[in-house]
Amino acid sequence: MKVSAGTLLYRYSATTLEVLLVHPSGAYNRGKPWSIPKGMPDSGETMEAAARRETWEETGLVPGDLRELGSIRYRKSGKRIHCFAGPAPAEPVPSCTSWEVDCAEFVSIARARELIHPDQAEFLDRLESRLAEATG
């Protein structure tokens, strides 16, 4: 079974929660859904270390403090995705720093729900729940 690890970095723009998503590159991915920055761990690498490395490789952003959001399994392929969430670095400017993505940007949580891979939408729910717990 394939396994990936990634991050769900977030920030507030005024009062709107925004999250960092990436879109896979290539003509065959033109209509495909967006994703959290993610990738497969290297041999001996922890899931969190893989998530940090992949985020840096795909967006140029270095995640700070991260908290585990658990994992989901893709319904079609069975691939397991582990996710870690944390606040975006101060004044982040994501860029496409890998051939694997053609776009990396912060979008509102509402827009993220429209763009993200349907199986990854659970991560958005978990993030909102965690943030509500932290402020409630």
Protein backbone atom coordinates (compact mmCIF):
# COMPACT_ATOMS: atom_id res chain seq x y z
CA MET A 1 0.00 0.00 0.00
CA LYS A 2 1.31 3.45 -0.90
CA VAL A 3 1.68 6.03 1.86
CA SER A 4 2.19 9.80 1.67
CA ALA A 5 2.60 12.55 4.23
CA GLY A 6 1.81 16.22 3.90
CA THR A 7 0.88 19.44 5.63
CA LEU A 8 -2.16 21.62 5.88
CA LEU A 9 -0.70 25.04 6.58
CA TYR A 10 -3.17 27.76 7.51
CA ARG A 11 -3.36 31.49 8.10
CA TYR A 12 -5.99 34.14 8.68
CA SER A 13 -6.53 36.86 6.10
CA ALA A 14 -8.55 39.45 8.03
CA THR A 15 -11.08 37.05 9.59
CA THR A 16 -11.03 34.42 6.83
CA LEU A 17 -9.28 31.10 7.39
CA GLU A 18 -7.05 30.22 4.44
CA VAL A 19 -5.15 26.99 3.73
CA LEU A 20 -2.25 26.17 1.43
CA LEU A 21 -3.08 23.83 -1.45
CA VAL A 22 -1.15 22.69 -4.50
CA HIS A 23 -2.25 21.50 -7.92
CA PRO A 24 -0.43 18.65 -9.68
CA SER A 25 1.36 19.60 -12.89
CA GLY A 26 1.00 18.11 -16.34
CA ALA A 27 -1.67 18.26 -19.02
CA TYR A 28 -3.20 15.01 -17.76
CA ASN A 29 -3.80 16.69 -14.37
CA ARG A 30 -5.46 19.83 -15.77
CA GLY A 31 -8.91 18.93 -14.41
CA LYS A 32 -7.71 17.01 -11.36
CA PRO A 33 -8.41 18.15 -7.81
CA TRP A 34 -5.95 20.10 -5.68
CA SER A 35 -4.17 18.62 -2.68
CA ILE A 36 -2.24 19.35 0.45
CA PRO A 37 1.50 19.43 -0.34
CA LYS A 38 2.52 15.81 0.19
CA GLY A 39 4.70 12.94 -0.93
CA MET A 40 6.13 9.58 -0.05
CA PRO A 41 8.59 9.26 2.84
CA ASP A 42 12.19 8.35 2.13
CA SER A 43 13.56 5.19 3.71
CA GLY A 44 13.79 5.65 7.49
CA GLU A 45 12.08 9.05 7.38
CA THR A 46 9.25 9.76 9.82
CA MET A 47 5.88 10.86 8.47
CA GLU A 48 6.29 14.33 9.94
CA ALA A 49 9.78 14.72 8.46
CA ALA A 50 8.44 13.62 5.06
CA ALA A 51 5.55 16.09 5.34
CA ARG A 52 7.95 18.93 6.15
CA ARG A 53 10.34 18.02 3.32
CA GLU A 54 7.59 17.63 0.74
CA THR A 55 6.02 20.97 1.70
CA TRP A 56 9.36 22.71 1.32
CA GLU A 57 10.12 20.91 -1.96
CA GLU A 58 6.73 21.74 -3.51
CA THR A 59 6.06 25.24 -2.16
CA GLY A 60 9.32 26.68 -0.82
CA LEU A 61 7.71 27.15 2.61
CA VAL A 62 9.26 25.70 5.74
CA PRO A 63 6.59 24.56 8.21
CA GLY A 64 7.03 25.50 11.86
CA ASP A 65 5.05 23.91 14.70
CA LEU A 66 2.91 21.04 13.39
CA ARG A 67 0.20 18.91 14.98
CA GLU A 68 -0.94 15.59 13.62
CA LEU A 69 -4.37 15.51 11.97
CA GLY A 70 -4.35 11.75 11.45
CA SER A 71 -4.72 10.01 8.14
CA ILE A 72 -7.28 9.20 5.48
CA ARG A 73 -7.40 6.45 2.88
CA TYR A 74 -8.25 7.16 -0.74
CA ARG A 75 -11.42 5.25 -1.57
CA LYS A 76 -10.32 4.35 -5.10
CA SER A 77 -6.61 3.49 -4.75
CA GLY A 78 -6.38 2.67 -1.04
CA LYS A 79 -3.40 5.03 -0.67
CA ARG A 80 -3.03 6.36 2.90
CA ILE A 81 -2.32 10.07 3.41
CA HIS A 82 -0.97 11.32 6.76
CA CYS A 83 -1.52 15.00 7.49
CA PHE A 84 0.09 17.48 9.86
CA ALA A 85 -1.33 20.97 10.36
CA GLY A 86 0.22 24.18 11.54
CA PRO A 87 0.25 27.92 11.10
CA ALA A 88 1.93 29.18 7.96
CA PRO A 89 5.27 30.94 8.34
CA ALA A 90 5.07 34.72 8.78
CA GLU A 91 4.40 36.51 5.49
CA PRO A 92 4.40 33.31 3.44
CA VAL A 93 4.73 33.48 -0.30
CA PRO A 94 4.32 29.98 -1.70
CA SER A 95 5.77 29.18 -5.10
CA CYS A 96 5.97 26.17 -7.34
CA THR A 97 9.42 24.90 -6.50
CA SER A 98 8.95 21.40 -7.93
CA TRP A 99 8.01 20.03 -11.32
CA GLU A 100 5.30 18.08 -9.47
CA VAL A 101 3.04 21.11 -8.99
CA ASP A 102 1.91 23.91 -11.30
CA CYS A 103 0.24 26.03 -8.63
CA ALA A 104 0.71 26.59 -4.89
CA GLU A 105 -1.52 29.11 -3.16
CA PHE A 106 -3.51 30.02 -0.10
CA VAL A 107 -7.27 29.80 -0.64
CA SER A 108 -10.20 30.37 1.69
CA ILE A 109 -11.47 27.29 3.49
CA ALA A 110 -14.69 27.55 1.45
CA ARG A 111 -12.74 27.59 -1.83
CA ALA A 112 -10.53 24.76 -0.56
CA ARG A 113 -13.65 22.61 -0.16
CA GLU A 114 -14.38 23.14 -3.86
CA LEU A 115 -10.82 22.43 -5.03
CA ILE A 116 -9.41 19.69 -2.78
CA HIS A 117 -9.45 15.99 -3.57
CA PRO A 118 -12.77 14.76 -2.10
CA ASP A 119 -11.05 12.20 0.11
CA GLN A 120 -8.79 14.90 1.58
CA ALA A 121 -11.72 17.15 2.55
CA GLU A 122 -11.75 15.34 5.91
CA PHE A 123 -8.50 17.16 6.73
CA LEU A 124 -10.30 20.50 6.37
CA ASP A 125 -12.99 19.32 8.80
CA ARG A 126 -10.36 18.16 11.28
CA LEU A 127 -8.46 21.45 11.04
CA GLU A 128 -11.57 23.53 11.64
CA SER A 129 -12.50 21.34 14.60
CA ARG A 130 -9.02 21.68 16.14
CA LEU A 131 -9.00 25.44 15.68
CA ALA A 132 -12.49 25.74 17.20
CA GLU A 133 -11.36 23.68 20.22
CA ALA A 134 -8.32 25.90 20.67
CA THR A 135 -10.39 29.09 20.70
CA GLY A 136 -13.49 27.72 22.43
